[in-house]
N, C-alpha and C. Protein backbone atom coordinates (compact mmCIF):
# COMPACT_ATOMS: atom_id res chain seq x y z
N MET A 1 -42.62 2.77 22.66
CA MET A 1 -42.57 3.43 24.09
C MET A 1 -41.61 4.10 24.69
N ASP A 2 -42.42 5.10 25.60
CA ASP A 2 -41.47 6.14 26.16
C ASP A 2 -40.34 5.07 27.29
N GLU A 3 -39.17 5.58 27.20
CA GLU A 3 -37.88 5.02 27.66
C GLU A 3 -37.80 5.32 29.22
N ALA A 4 -38.60 6.57 29.94
CA ALA A 4 -38.69 6.65 30.93
C ALA A 4 -39.76 5.64 31.84
N PHE A 5 -40.70 5.25 31.18
CA PHE A 5 -41.67 4.09 31.64
C PHE A 5 -41.01 3.16 31.71
N ILE A 6 -40.60 2.53 30.80
CA ILE A 6 -39.85 1.24 30.76
C ILE A 6 -38.59 1.55 32.18
N ALA A 7 -37.98 2.37 32.39
CA ALA A 7 -37.05 2.40 33.21
C ALA A 7 -37.83 2.36 34.56
N PHE A 8 -39.08 3.18 35.01
CA PHE A 8 -39.90 3.10 36.08
C PHE A 8 -40.40 1.81 35.99
N ALA A 9 -41.09 0.86 34.93
CA ALA A 9 -41.60 -0.32 35.12
C ALA A 9 -40.68 -1.55 35.62
N ALA A 10 -39.50 -1.31 35.26
CA ALA A 10 -38.72 -2.32 35.23
C ALA A 10 -38.28 -2.56 36.89
N LEU A 11 -38.43 -1.32 37.73
CA LEU A 11 -37.95 -0.96 38.82
C LEU A 11 -38.91 -2.30 39.80
N PHE A 12 -40.49 -2.48 39.66
CA PHE A 12 -41.45 -2.91 39.77
C PHE A 12 -41.37 -4.51 39.54
N LEU A 13 -40.80 -4.57 38.50
CA LEU A 13 -41.00 -6.14 37.51
C LEU A 13 -40.14 -7.06 38.17
N ARG A 14 -40.39 -8.48 38.33
CA ARG A 14 -39.31 -9.67 38.24
C ARG A 14 -38.38 -9.41 37.52
N PRO A 15 -37.23 -9.94 37.69
CA PRO A 15 -36.01 -10.39 36.42
C PRO A 15 -36.44 -10.42 35.37
N PRO A 16 -37.27 -11.66 35.00
CA PRO A 16 -37.29 -11.94 33.63
C PRO A 16 -38.45 -10.93 32.86
N CYS A 17 -39.66 -9.84 33.52
CA CYS A 17 -40.19 -8.96 32.90
C CYS A 17 -39.45 -7.73 32.80
N ALA A 18 -38.31 -7.34 33.61
CA ALA A 18 -37.61 -6.46 33.35
C ALA A 18 -36.72 -6.43 32.31
N ALA A 19 -36.08 -8.05 32.22
CA ALA A 19 -35.27 -8.28 30.97
C ALA A 19 -36.04 -7.85 29.60
N PHE A 20 -37.52 -8.14 29.82
CA PHE A 20 -38.17 -7.81 28.34
C PHE A 20 -38.39 -6.64 27.71
N LEU A 21 -38.28 -5.64 29.37
CA LEU A 21 -38.85 -4.23 28.79
C LEU A 21 -37.12 -3.56 28.60
N HIS A 22 -36.25 -4.00 29.07
CA HIS A 22 -35.11 -3.66 28.70
C HIS A 22 -34.90 -3.94 27.53
N ALA A 23 -35.17 -4.78 26.98
CA ALA A 23 -34.90 -5.34 25.48
C ALA A 23 -35.50 -4.46 24.33
N LEU A 24 -36.68 -3.78 24.84
CA LEU A 24 -37.45 -2.74 23.99
C LEU A 24 -36.74 -1.40 23.55
N ARG A 25 -35.54 -1.11 24.65
CA ARG A 25 -35.18 -0.26 24.73
C ARG A 25 -34.52 0.01 23.29
N PRO A 26 -33.79 1.53 22.66
CA PRO A 26 -33.81 1.70 21.25
C PRO A 26 -32.20 1.18 21.25
N LEU A 27 -32.15 0.63 19.90
CA LEU A 27 -30.61 0.48 19.72
C LEU A 27 -29.94 1.56 19.78
N PRO A 28 -28.74 0.95 20.11
CA PRO A 28 -27.58 2.20 19.91
C PRO A 28 -27.24 2.41 18.72
N SER A 29 -27.03 4.21 18.54
CA SER A 29 -27.04 4.82 17.10
C SER A 29 -25.95 3.84 16.70
N ALA A 30 -24.61 3.41 17.21
CA ALA A 30 -23.54 2.78 15.88
C ALA A 30 -24.36 1.79 15.39
N ILE A 31 -25.39 0.89 15.57
CA ILE A 31 -26.06 0.13 14.92
C ILE A 31 -27.37 0.70 14.26
N THR A 32 -27.85 1.66 14.50
CA THR A 32 -29.00 1.88 13.78
C THR A 32 -28.27 2.89 12.59
N MET A 33 -27.06 3.27 12.64
CA MET A 33 -26.67 4.21 11.60
C MET A 33 -25.74 3.31 10.52
N SER A 34 -25.83 2.17 10.76
CA SER A 34 -25.18 1.51 9.58
C SER A 34 -25.59 1.64 8.11
N LYS A 35 -24.51 1.69 7.20
CA LYS A 35 -24.98 2.22 5.85
C LYS A 35 -24.59 1.05 4.52
N ASN A 36 -25.19 1.18 3.63
CA ASN A 36 -25.02 0.46 2.88
C ASN A 36 -23.77 1.07 1.91
N LEU A 37 -22.90 0.32 1.75
CA LEU A 37 -21.24 1.02 0.95
C LEU A 37 -20.88 0.41 -0.23
N VAL A 38 -20.57 0.88 -1.09
CA VAL A 38 -20.29 0.30 -2.37
C VAL A 38 -18.86 1.25 -2.53
N PHE A 39 -18.32 0.39 -3.37
CA PHE A 39 -16.71 0.79 -3.47
C PHE A 39 -16.58 0.41 -4.96
N ILE A 40 -16.20 1.52 -5.77
CA ILE A 40 -15.98 1.05 -7.42
C ILE A 40 -14.65 1.38 -7.91
N GLY A 41 -14.22 0.30 -8.48
CA GLY A 41 -12.76 1.00 -8.98
C GLY A 41 -11.92 -0.14 -9.50
N ASP A 42 -10.60 -0.21 -9.70
CA ASP A 42 -9.81 -1.01 -10.31
C ASP A 42 -9.24 -2.20 -9.23
N SER A 43 -7.94 -2.68 -9.60
CA SER A 43 -7.52 -3.50 -8.44
C SER A 43 -7.17 -3.12 -7.52
N LEU A 44 -7.06 -2.01 -7.18
CA LEU A 44 -6.89 -1.13 -5.84
C LEU A 44 -7.94 -1.05 -4.86
N THR A 45 -9.10 -1.14 -5.45
CA THR A 45 -10.23 -1.12 -4.31
C THR A 45 -10.51 -2.68 -4.66
N GLU A 46 -10.59 -3.46 -5.61
CA GLU A 46 -10.67 -5.02 -5.50
C GLU A 46 -9.80 -5.55 -4.31
N TYR A 47 -8.49 -5.57 -4.69
CA TYR A 47 -7.78 -6.21 -3.62
C TYR A 47 -7.60 -5.98 -2.09
N PHE A 48 -8.78 -5.33 -1.53
CA PHE A 48 -8.77 -4.51 -0.30
C PHE A 48 -10.58 -5.55 0.06
N ASP A 49 -10.32 -6.15 1.47
CA ASP A 49 -11.31 -6.30 2.50
C ASP A 49 -12.33 -5.76 2.88
N TRP A 50 -13.15 -4.60 2.07
CA TRP A 50 -13.83 -3.54 3.09
C TRP A 50 -14.92 -3.70 3.73
N GLN A 51 -15.21 -5.15 3.70
CA GLN A 51 -16.68 -5.46 4.51
C GLN A 51 -15.97 -6.03 5.48
N LYS A 52 -14.73 -6.41 5.78
CA LYS A 52 -14.10 -6.78 7.17
C LYS A 52 -13.18 -5.54 7.85
N ARG A 53 -12.66 -4.46 7.02
CA ARG A 53 -12.61 -3.10 7.61
C ARG A 53 -13.80 -2.70 7.72
N PHE A 54 -15.13 -2.81 7.59
CA PHE A 54 -16.11 -1.98 8.02
C PHE A 54 -17.39 -3.14 8.35
N PRO A 55 -16.90 -3.67 9.22
CA PRO A 55 -18.15 -4.63 9.63
C PRO A 55 -19.66 -4.29 10.23
N SER A 56 -19.58 -3.16 10.62
CA SER A 56 -20.86 -2.44 10.77
C SER A 56 -21.88 -2.17 10.06
N HIS A 57 -21.36 -2.22 8.39
CA HIS A 57 -22.18 -1.69 7.24
C HIS A 57 -22.14 -2.70 6.35
N LYS A 58 -23.10 -2.64 5.75
CA LYS A 58 -22.97 -3.49 4.48
C LYS A 58 -22.29 -3.49 3.16
N VAL A 59 -20.95 -3.91 2.66
CA VAL A 59 -20.24 -3.40 1.59
C VAL A 59 -20.43 -4.17 0.80
N THR A 60 -20.39 -3.47 -0.57
CA THR A 60 -20.32 -4.46 -1.53
C THR A 60 -19.13 -3.68 -2.63
N ASN A 61 -18.16 -4.55 -3.09
CA ASN A 61 -17.16 -4.28 -3.54
C ASN A 61 -17.30 -4.81 -5.37
N LEU A 62 -17.11 -3.85 -5.99
CA LEU A 62 -17.39 -3.78 -7.43
C LEU A 62 -15.73 -3.24 -8.22
N GLY A 63 -14.42 -3.80 -7.32
CA GLY A 63 -13.23 -3.38 -8.22
C GLY A 63 -13.40 -4.43 -9.23
N ILE A 64 -12.69 -4.08 -9.86
CA ILE A 64 -12.37 -4.81 -11.17
C ILE A 64 -10.43 -4.80 -11.42
N SER A 65 -9.85 -5.72 -11.50
CA SER A 65 -8.34 -5.28 -11.64
C SER A 65 -8.07 -5.44 -13.43
N GLY A 66 -7.13 -4.33 -13.45
CA GLY A 66 -7.08 -4.12 -14.54
C GLY A 66 -7.88 -3.28 -15.56
N GLU A 67 -8.59 -2.32 -14.81
CA GLU A 67 -9.69 -1.64 -15.54
C GLU A 67 -9.15 -0.22 -15.73
N PRO A 68 -9.52 0.44 -16.73
CA PRO A 68 -9.21 1.94 -17.27
C PRO A 68 -10.52 2.97 -17.01
N VAL A 69 -10.63 3.81 -16.85
CA VAL A 69 -11.59 4.46 -17.06
C VAL A 69 -12.62 4.51 -17.52
N GLU A 70 -12.19 4.09 -19.22
CA GLU A 70 -13.69 3.90 -20.06
C GLU A 70 -14.33 2.29 -20.00
N GLY A 71 -13.04 1.58 -19.45
CA GLY A 71 -13.77 0.40 -19.06
C GLY A 71 -14.96 0.53 -17.99
N LEU A 72 -14.77 1.27 -16.80
CA LEU A 72 -15.68 1.95 -15.91
C LEU A 72 -17.00 2.12 -16.67
N LEU A 73 -16.54 2.95 -17.19
CA LEU A 73 -18.11 3.80 -18.04
C LEU A 73 -18.74 2.67 -19.02
N ASN A 74 -17.84 1.81 -19.32
CA ASN A 74 -18.76 0.43 -20.76
C ASN A 74 -19.55 -0.35 -19.74
N ARG A 75 -19.13 -0.39 -18.29
CA ARG A 75 -19.80 -1.33 -17.63
C ARG A 75 -20.89 -0.81 -16.60
N LEU A 76 -20.70 0.40 -16.59
CA LEU A 76 -21.85 1.15 -15.52
C LEU A 76 -23.25 0.72 -15.36
N ASP A 77 -23.85 0.33 -16.34
CA ASP A 77 -25.00 -0.38 -16.30
C ASP A 77 -25.18 -1.61 -15.75
N ARG A 78 -24.34 -2.34 -15.74
CA ARG A 78 -23.99 -3.55 -14.87
C ARG A 78 -24.06 -3.22 -13.39
N VAL A 79 -22.89 -2.47 -13.41
CA VAL A 79 -22.79 -1.76 -11.73
C VAL A 79 -24.34 -1.41 -11.29
N ARG A 80 -24.99 -0.40 -11.59
CA ARG A 80 -26.56 0.05 -11.60
C ARG A 80 -27.37 -1.17 -11.26
N SER A 81 -27.30 -2.38 -11.76
CA SER A 81 -28.12 -3.34 -11.58
C SER A 81 -27.50 -4.01 -10.61
N ARG A 82 -26.36 -4.10 -9.46
CA ARG A 82 -25.99 -4.88 -8.89
C ARG A 82 -26.24 -3.92 -7.48
N ILE A 83 -26.63 -2.60 -7.56
CA ILE A 83 -26.25 -1.70 -6.54
C ILE A 83 -28.00 -1.80 -6.01
N ASN A 84 -28.35 -1.70 -4.54
CA ASN A 84 -29.27 -1.95 -3.94
C ASN A 84 -29.63 -0.66 -3.06
N ASP A 85 -30.07 0.37 -3.19
CA ASP A 85 -30.35 1.13 -2.36
C ASP A 85 -29.17 2.13 -1.87
N PRO A 86 -28.25 1.87 -2.21
CA PRO A 86 -26.71 2.86 -1.48
C PRO A 86 -27.08 3.83 -0.86
N ASP A 87 -25.94 4.14 0.33
CA ASP A 87 -25.90 5.62 1.16
C ASP A 87 -24.72 5.91 0.57
N ILE A 88 -23.77 5.04 0.68
CA ILE A 88 -22.48 5.84 -0.09
C ILE A 88 -21.77 5.23 -1.24
N ILE A 89 -21.54 5.79 -2.33
CA ILE A 89 -20.62 5.02 -3.64
C ILE A 89 -19.57 5.53 -3.66
N PHE A 90 -18.26 4.94 -3.38
CA PHE A 90 -17.16 5.54 -3.17
C PHE A 90 -16.13 5.18 -4.53
N VAL A 91 -16.02 6.30 -5.70
CA VAL A 91 -15.12 5.98 -6.98
C VAL A 91 -13.91 6.07 -7.31
N MET A 92 -12.87 5.17 -7.22
CA MET A 92 -11.23 5.53 -7.52
C MET A 92 -11.23 4.71 -8.68
N THR A 93 -10.84 5.86 -9.65
CA THR A 93 -10.25 4.67 -11.30
C THR A 93 -9.11 5.79 -11.95
N GLY A 94 -8.53 5.22 -12.62
CA GLY A 94 -7.79 6.24 -13.37
C GLY A 94 -6.21 6.04 -13.61
N ILE A 95 -5.68 5.02 -12.41
CA ILE A 95 -4.37 4.70 -12.09
C ILE A 95 -3.99 3.56 -13.66
N ASN A 96 -4.81 2.95 -14.44
CA ASN A 96 -4.64 1.88 -14.91
C ASN A 96 -4.23 3.20 -16.82
N ASN A 97 -4.94 4.02 -16.59
CA ASN A 97 -5.03 5.05 -17.91
C ASN A 97 -3.41 5.71 -17.66
N ILE A 98 -3.28 6.27 -16.62
CA ILE A 98 -1.82 7.09 -16.31
C ILE A 98 -0.68 5.91 -16.68
N ALA A 99 -0.80 4.63 -15.83
CA ALA A 99 0.20 3.79 -16.28
C ALA A 99 0.53 3.45 -17.54
N MET A 100 -0.33 3.51 -18.32
CA MET A 100 -0.57 3.54 -19.81
C MET A 100 0.21 4.81 -20.92
N GLU A 101 0.44 5.83 -19.87
CA GLU A 101 0.58 7.30 -20.10
C GLU A 101 -0.89 7.97 -21.28
N GLN A 102 -2.19 7.12 -20.84
CA GLN A 102 -3.03 7.83 -21.29
C GLN A 102 -3.61 9.07 -19.84
N TYR A 103 -3.38 9.92 -20.78
CA TYR A 103 -3.67 11.40 -19.39
C TYR A 103 -5.28 11.62 -19.68
N ASP A 104 -5.53 11.41 -20.62
CA ASP A 104 -7.14 12.62 -20.94
C ASP A 104 -8.30 11.15 -20.68
N ILE A 105 -8.58 11.69 -19.46
CA ILE A 105 -9.72 10.75 -18.68
C ILE A 105 -10.83 11.13 -18.25
N SER A 106 -10.76 12.80 -18.57
CA SER A 106 -11.87 13.80 -18.14
C SER A 106 -13.12 13.74 -18.48
N GLY A 107 -13.14 13.50 -19.63
CA GLY A 107 -14.38 13.09 -20.26
C GLY A 107 -15.33 12.02 -19.86
N ASP A 108 -14.54 10.64 -20.11
CA ASP A 108 -15.06 9.68 -19.18
C ASP A 108 -15.50 9.58 -17.78
N TYR A 109 -14.52 10.16 -17.20
CA TYR A 109 -14.92 10.51 -15.67
C TYR A 109 -16.04 11.42 -15.62
N LYS A 110 -16.19 12.36 -16.34
CA LYS A 110 -17.36 13.09 -15.93
C LYS A 110 -18.41 12.88 -16.62
N GLU A 111 -18.56 11.69 -17.28
CA GLU A 111 -19.47 10.93 -17.93
C GLU A 111 -20.08 9.78 -16.61
N ILE A 112 -19.28 8.96 -15.89
CA ILE A 112 -19.76 8.19 -14.97
C ILE A 112 -20.36 9.07 -13.92
N ALA A 113 -19.18 10.32 -13.05
CA ALA A 113 -19.86 11.04 -12.17
C ALA A 113 -21.67 11.33 -12.55
N SER A 114 -21.51 11.91 -14.33
CA SER A 114 -23.13 12.31 -14.48
C SER A 114 -24.01 11.27 -14.20
N LYS A 115 -23.84 10.10 -14.54
CA LYS A 115 -24.39 8.98 -14.30
C LYS A 115 -24.86 8.47 -13.07
N LEU A 116 -23.83 8.53 -12.29
CA LEU A 116 -24.20 7.64 -10.81
C LEU A 116 -24.73 8.84 -10.33
N THR A 117 -24.61 10.52 -10.17
CA THR A 117 -25.33 11.42 -9.24
C THR A 117 -27.04 11.41 -9.80
N SER A 118 -27.39 10.95 -11.27
CA SER A 118 -28.65 11.08 -11.52
C SER A 118 -29.41 9.89 -11.72
N TRP A 119 -28.54 8.61 -11.26
CA TRP A 119 -29.24 7.30 -11.12
C TRP A 119 -29.64 7.47 -9.28
N PHE A 120 -28.64 7.63 -8.55
CA PHE A 120 -28.47 7.47 -7.07
C PHE A 120 -28.79 8.99 -6.54
N LYS A 121 -29.66 9.90 -6.75
CA LYS A 121 -29.87 11.07 -6.18
C LYS A 121 -29.93 11.17 -4.57
N ASN A 122 -30.59 9.79 -3.98
CA ASN A 122 -30.55 10.02 -2.46
C ASN A 122 -29.38 9.55 -1.70
N SER A 123 -28.46 9.10 -2.48
CA SER A 123 -26.92 8.65 -2.20
C SER A 123 -26.07 9.94 -1.95
N LYS A 124 -24.68 9.72 -1.54
CA LYS A 124 -23.42 10.42 -1.32
C LYS A 124 -22.61 9.67 -2.72
N ILE A 125 -21.88 10.30 -3.51
CA ILE A 125 -21.10 9.72 -4.58
C ILE A 125 -19.98 10.54 -3.96
N VAL A 126 -18.79 9.82 -3.53
CA VAL A 126 -17.63 10.58 -3.09
C VAL A 126 -16.53 9.97 -4.51
N ILE A 127 -16.11 11.04 -4.94
CA ILE A 127 -15.24 11.11 -6.05
C ILE A 127 -13.71 10.80 -5.23
N GLN A 128 -13.03 10.00 -5.01
CA GLN A 128 -11.35 9.57 -4.72
C GLN A 128 -10.30 10.01 -5.39
N SER A 129 -9.44 10.74 -4.76
CA SER A 129 -8.08 10.95 -5.61
C SER A 129 -7.37 9.97 -6.50
N VAL A 130 -6.86 10.02 -7.47
CA VAL A 130 -5.84 8.98 -8.12
C VAL A 130 -4.63 9.38 -6.86
N LEU A 131 -4.29 8.20 -7.00
CA LEU A 131 -3.00 8.20 -6.04
C LEU A 131 -1.49 8.03 -6.93
N PRO A 132 -0.30 8.38 -6.02
CA PRO A 132 0.66 8.46 -6.43
C PRO A 132 1.12 7.43 -6.70
N VAL A 133 2.15 7.41 -7.67
CA VAL A 133 2.67 6.05 -8.13
C VAL A 133 4.41 6.12 -8.32
N ARG A 134 5.35 5.26 -7.76
CA ARG A 134 6.68 5.27 -8.05
C ARG A 134 7.31 4.44 -9.57
N LEU A 135 6.69 5.23 -10.39
CA LEU A 135 7.18 4.47 -11.59
C LEU A 135 7.76 5.61 -12.29
N GLU A 136 8.94 5.18 -12.88
CA GLU A 136 9.94 5.90 -13.57
C GLU A 136 9.23 7.00 -14.83
N TRP A 137 8.55 6.17 -15.27
CA TRP A 137 8.22 7.28 -16.82
C TRP A 137 6.74 7.76 -16.26
N ILE A 138 6.47 8.19 -14.91
CA ILE A 138 5.02 8.79 -14.96
C ILE A 138 5.61 9.93 -13.65
N ASP A 139 5.20 11.39 -14.12
CA ASP A 139 5.63 12.33 -13.22
C ASP A 139 4.17 12.61 -12.54
N ASN A 140 4.54 12.49 -11.05
CA ASN A 140 3.29 12.55 -10.17
C ASN A 140 2.51 13.95 -10.59
N ASN A 141 3.15 14.83 -10.85
CA ASN A 141 2.45 16.16 -10.99
C ASN A 141 1.46 16.21 -11.87
N VAL A 142 1.73 15.08 -12.64
CA VAL A 142 0.70 14.83 -13.88
C VAL A 142 -0.68 14.35 -13.14
N ILE A 143 -0.67 13.56 -11.97
CA ILE A 143 -1.41 13.42 -11.24
C ILE A 143 -1.99 14.27 -10.33
N LYS A 144 -1.25 15.05 -9.77
CA LYS A 144 -1.73 16.12 -9.05
C LYS A 144 -2.69 16.81 -9.94
N ASP A 145 -2.55 17.31 -11.07
CA ASP A 145 -3.27 18.01 -12.18
C ASP A 145 -4.89 17.38 -12.47
N ILE A 146 -4.58 15.98 -12.76
CA ILE A 146 -5.78 15.08 -12.66
C ILE A 146 -6.76 15.35 -11.41
N ASN A 147 -5.98 15.26 -10.58
CA ASN A 147 -6.83 14.96 -9.43
C ASN A 147 -7.83 16.60 -9.00
N ARG A 148 -7.08 17.46 -9.30
CA ARG A 148 -7.66 19.07 -9.31
C ARG A 148 -8.99 19.18 -10.44
N TYR A 149 -8.63 18.71 -11.67
CA TYR A 149 -9.74 18.24 -12.39
C TYR A 149 -11.09 17.05 -11.84
N LEU A 150 -10.77 16.38 -10.80
CA LEU A 150 -11.60 15.35 -10.46
C LEU A 150 -12.15 15.93 -9.24
N LYS A 151 -11.64 16.91 -8.56
CA LYS A 151 -12.35 17.56 -7.71
C LYS A 151 -13.03 18.65 -8.19
N LYS A 152 -12.70 19.56 -9.62
CA LYS A 152 -13.87 20.56 -9.86
C LYS A 152 -15.29 19.34 -10.56
N ILE A 153 -14.95 18.23 -10.73
CA ILE A 153 -15.95 17.23 -11.43
C ILE A 153 -17.05 17.06 -10.42
N ALA A 154 -16.52 16.72 -9.10
CA ALA A 154 -17.11 16.65 -7.82
C ALA A 154 -18.10 17.76 -7.39
N GLY A 155 -17.33 19.08 -7.69
CA GLY A 155 -18.00 19.84 -7.08
C GLY A 155 -19.42 20.38 -8.14
N GLU A 156 -19.25 20.06 -9.57
CA GLU A 156 -19.77 20.08 -10.42
C GLU A 156 -21.51 19.41 -10.19
N PHE A 157 -20.98 18.10 -9.88
CA PHE A 157 -22.03 17.19 -10.13
C PHE A 157 -22.59 17.11 -8.22
N SER A 158 -22.36 17.52 -7.60
CA SER A 158 -22.58 17.72 -5.98
C SER A 158 -22.12 16.42 -5.55
N ALA A 159 -21.20 15.81 -5.91
CA ALA A 159 -20.58 14.76 -5.60
C ALA A 159 -19.42 15.30 -4.03
N GLU A 160 -19.16 14.58 -3.47
CA GLU A 160 -17.83 14.86 -2.40
C GLU A 160 -16.66 14.26 -2.87
N TYR A 161 -15.69 15.27 -3.00
CA TYR A 161 -14.35 14.68 -3.61
C TYR A 161 -13.65 14.38 -1.86
N LEU A 162 -12.95 13.13 -2.05
CA LEU A 162 -12.07 12.46 -0.91
C LEU A 162 -10.06 12.65 -1.29
N ASP A 163 -9.78 13.36 -0.65
CA ASP A 163 -8.02 13.66 -1.14
C ASP A 163 -7.31 12.52 -0.30
N VAL A 164 -6.99 11.52 -0.91
CA VAL A 164 -6.17 9.99 -0.35
C VAL A 164 -4.72 10.53 -0.83
N TYR A 165 -4.56 11.25 -2.18
CA TYR A 165 -2.92 11.29 -2.25
C TYR A 165 -2.71 12.15 -1.50
N GLY A 166 -2.86 13.00 -0.73
CA GLY A 166 -1.96 13.75 -0.34
C GLY A 166 -1.20 13.11 0.86
N LEU A 167 -2.49 11.95 1.37
CA LEU A 167 -1.80 10.74 2.90
C LEU A 167 -0.67 10.21 2.14
N PHE A 168 -0.78 10.21 0.91
CA PHE A 168 0.54 9.19 0.33
C PHE A 168 1.77 9.60 -0.14
N ILE A 169 1.85 10.81 -0.16
CA ILE A 169 2.98 11.37 -0.32
C ILE A 169 3.92 12.30 0.84
N ASP A 170 5.25 12.27 1.19
CA ASP A 170 5.89 13.00 1.88
C ASP A 170 5.79 14.29 2.21
N PRO A 171 6.68 15.15 3.08
CA PRO A 171 6.68 16.33 3.20
C PRO A 171 7.44 17.10 1.40
N GLN A 172 8.24 16.35 1.07
CA GLN A 172 8.59 16.47 0.10
C GLN A 172 8.22 16.46 -1.41
N GLY A 173 7.11 15.95 -0.79
CA GLY A 173 5.88 15.44 -2.62
C GLY A 173 6.22 14.32 -2.97
N ASN A 174 6.91 13.59 -2.42
CA ASN A 174 7.20 11.83 -2.93
C ASN A 174 6.46 10.73 -2.41
N PRO A 175 5.94 9.79 -3.16
CA PRO A 175 5.12 8.87 -2.63
C PRO A 175 5.79 8.05 -1.52
N ARG A 176 4.98 8.01 -0.43
CA ARG A 176 5.95 7.17 0.37
C ARG A 176 6.32 5.75 0.22
N ARG A 177 7.15 5.29 0.19
CA ARG A 177 7.49 3.82 0.05
C ARG A 177 6.56 2.88 0.70
N GLU A 178 6.83 3.21 1.85
CA GLU A 178 5.74 2.27 3.07
C GLU A 178 4.39 2.06 2.57
N ASN A 179 3.99 2.39 1.78
CA ASN A 179 2.27 2.79 1.26
C ASN A 179 2.28 1.71 0.02
N LEU A 180 3.16 1.79 -0.48
CA LEU A 180 3.11 0.82 -2.26
C LEU A 180 4.35 -0.33 -1.48
N LEU A 181 3.82 -1.43 -2.85
CA LEU A 181 4.08 -2.62 -3.24
C LEU A 181 5.58 -2.04 -3.84
N ASP A 182 6.31 -3.49 -4.13
CA ASP A 182 7.44 -3.23 -5.05
C ASP A 182 7.05 -2.63 -6.59
N ASP A 183 5.78 -2.98 -6.84
CA ASP A 183 6.15 -2.47 -8.25
C ASP A 183 5.31 -1.00 -8.72
N GLY A 184 5.19 -0.33 -7.05
CA GLY A 184 5.40 0.92 -7.16
C GLY A 184 3.97 1.58 -7.54
N VAL A 185 3.00 0.40 -7.59
CA VAL A 185 1.51 1.15 -7.88
C VAL A 185 0.23 0.43 -6.96
N HIS A 186 0.74 -0.93 -6.74
CA HIS A 186 -0.36 -1.28 -5.72
C HIS A 186 -0.09 -0.94 -4.08
N LEU A 187 -0.92 -1.16 -3.61
CA LEU A 187 -0.77 -0.63 -2.22
C LEU A 187 -0.50 -2.18 -1.02
N SER A 188 0.17 -1.68 -0.15
CA SER A 188 1.14 -2.20 1.04
C SER A 188 0.04 -2.80 2.00
N ASP A 189 -0.17 -2.94 2.98
CA ASP A 189 -1.05 -3.27 4.24
C ASP A 189 -1.00 -1.93 4.56
N LYS A 190 0.47 -1.28 4.99
CA LYS A 190 -0.21 0.20 5.49
C LYS A 190 -0.80 1.00 4.72
N GLY A 191 -0.73 1.38 3.22
CA GLY A 191 -1.47 1.95 2.50
C GLY A 191 -2.86 1.71 2.38
N TYR A 192 -3.49 0.58 2.62
CA TYR A 192 -4.73 0.51 2.93
C TYR A 192 -5.37 0.54 4.39
N HIS A 193 -4.34 0.66 4.90
CA HIS A 193 -4.87 1.05 6.51
C HIS A 193 -5.28 2.86 6.31
N VAL A 194 -3.64 3.43 5.53
CA VAL A 194 -3.90 4.76 5.42
C VAL A 194 -5.50 5.35 4.78
N TRP A 195 -5.97 4.73 3.50
CA TRP A 195 -6.88 4.69 2.87
C TRP A 195 -8.05 4.80 3.46
N ALA A 196 -8.07 3.38 4.13
CA ALA A 196 -9.61 2.86 4.82
C ALA A 196 -9.71 3.92 6.10
N ASP A 197 -8.73 4.18 6.52
CA ASP A 197 -8.64 5.21 8.05
C ASP A 197 -9.32 6.88 7.40
N GLU A 198 -9.35 7.10 6.02
CA GLU A 198 -9.87 8.06 5.65
C GLU A 198 -10.94 8.20 5.31
N VAL A 199 -11.62 7.01 4.61
CA VAL A 199 -13.00 6.71 4.50
C VAL A 199 -13.31 6.60 5.94
N GLU A 200 -13.40 6.01 7.13
CA GLU A 200 -13.84 6.14 8.49
C GLU A 200 -13.79 7.30 8.45
N ARG A 201 -12.95 8.37 8.18
CA ARG A 201 -13.32 9.56 8.81
C ARG A 201 -14.42 10.28 8.52
N LEU A 202 -14.36 9.91 6.86
CA LEU A 202 -15.44 10.69 5.89
C LEU A 202 -16.90 9.90 6.45
N LEU A 203 -17.02 8.43 7.11
CA LEU A 203 -18.35 8.18 7.99
C LEU A 203 -18.80 8.87 8.74
N LYS A 204 -17.75 8.83 9.70
CA LYS A 204 -17.79 9.78 11.04
C LYS A 204 -18.37 11.02 10.69
N LYS A 205 -17.56 11.35 10.22
CA LYS A 205 -18.35 12.59 9.49
C LYS A 205 -19.86 13.18 9.10
N HIS A 206 -19.99 12.15 8.61
CA HIS A 206 -21.20 11.95 7.89
C HIS A 206 -22.34 11.57 8.40
N LYS A 207 -22.19 10.71 9.67
CA LYS A 207 -22.84 10.26 11.00
C LYS A 207 -23.03 11.75 11.93
N LYS A 208 -21.79 12.24 12.10
CA LYS A 208 -21.81 13.90 13.13
C LYS A 208 -23.00 14.39 12.55
N HIS A 209 -23.09 14.89 11.01
CA HIS A 209 -24.13 15.57 10.42
C HIS A 209 -25.34 15.04 10.78
N LEU A 210 -25.50 13.79 10.54
CA LEU A 210 -26.88 13.26 10.64
C LEU A 210 -27.62 13.28 11.97
N ASP A 211 -26.18 12.87 13.42
CA ASP A 211 -27.11 13.59 14.57
C ASP A 211 -27.19 14.37 14.75
N THR A 212 -26.73 15.89 14.45
CA THR A 212 -26.82 17.05 14.13
C THR A 212 -28.28 17.78 14.00
N ASP A 213 -28.34 16.93 12.53
CA ASP A 213 -30.25 17.29 12.04
C ASP A 213 -30.98 16.50 12.77
N LYS A 214 -30.94 15.86 13.77
CA LYS A 214 -31.72 14.87 14.19
C LYS A 214 -32.12 15.61 15.47
N SER A 215 -30.92 16.13 16.23
CA SER A 215 -31.48 16.86 17.64
C SER A 215 -31.94 18.30 17.48
């Protein structure tokens, strides 16, 4: 129904009828643009309430504590069966491999990206950077090198790369203590706030592009 007609007719109708016509107006874009979001990863993903952080979206959290990259690859078929028409799939995995000094994760990660992009052709796949850690035996330059390769994988499979690593380090390149718990790996409330805000910026960017396409 034409919105101009609704506004005109409401001037001549009694309040109950006018209220009925008002109810026919299109819903605000913030509601109609609700997305089906999926978060896949290890404990860093699992331990955060993504649905509470993004209440206007439908959120599925498929994080599993302690899982390495090969573990995610092995359960990917089960992940597929639990996802129904996703709009955006966020992936973050690899920190458990790195903590065990297993740095060669590129092959399994590439297969994960290949499967997700082939299974969900109408979805946006977002490969997120591995986050820095405060562990004596881990050089964060190794993580930076891994992230460079993850960015290449994202480009190869037309996925999107989300750099969260850069938000977790100070100007000297050291991990920000306030973003991590005492174990040097898991995230504090502030760390999750930083990560979720970056996810929100990405969501707003995609909404802006959709609004531009429709105008």
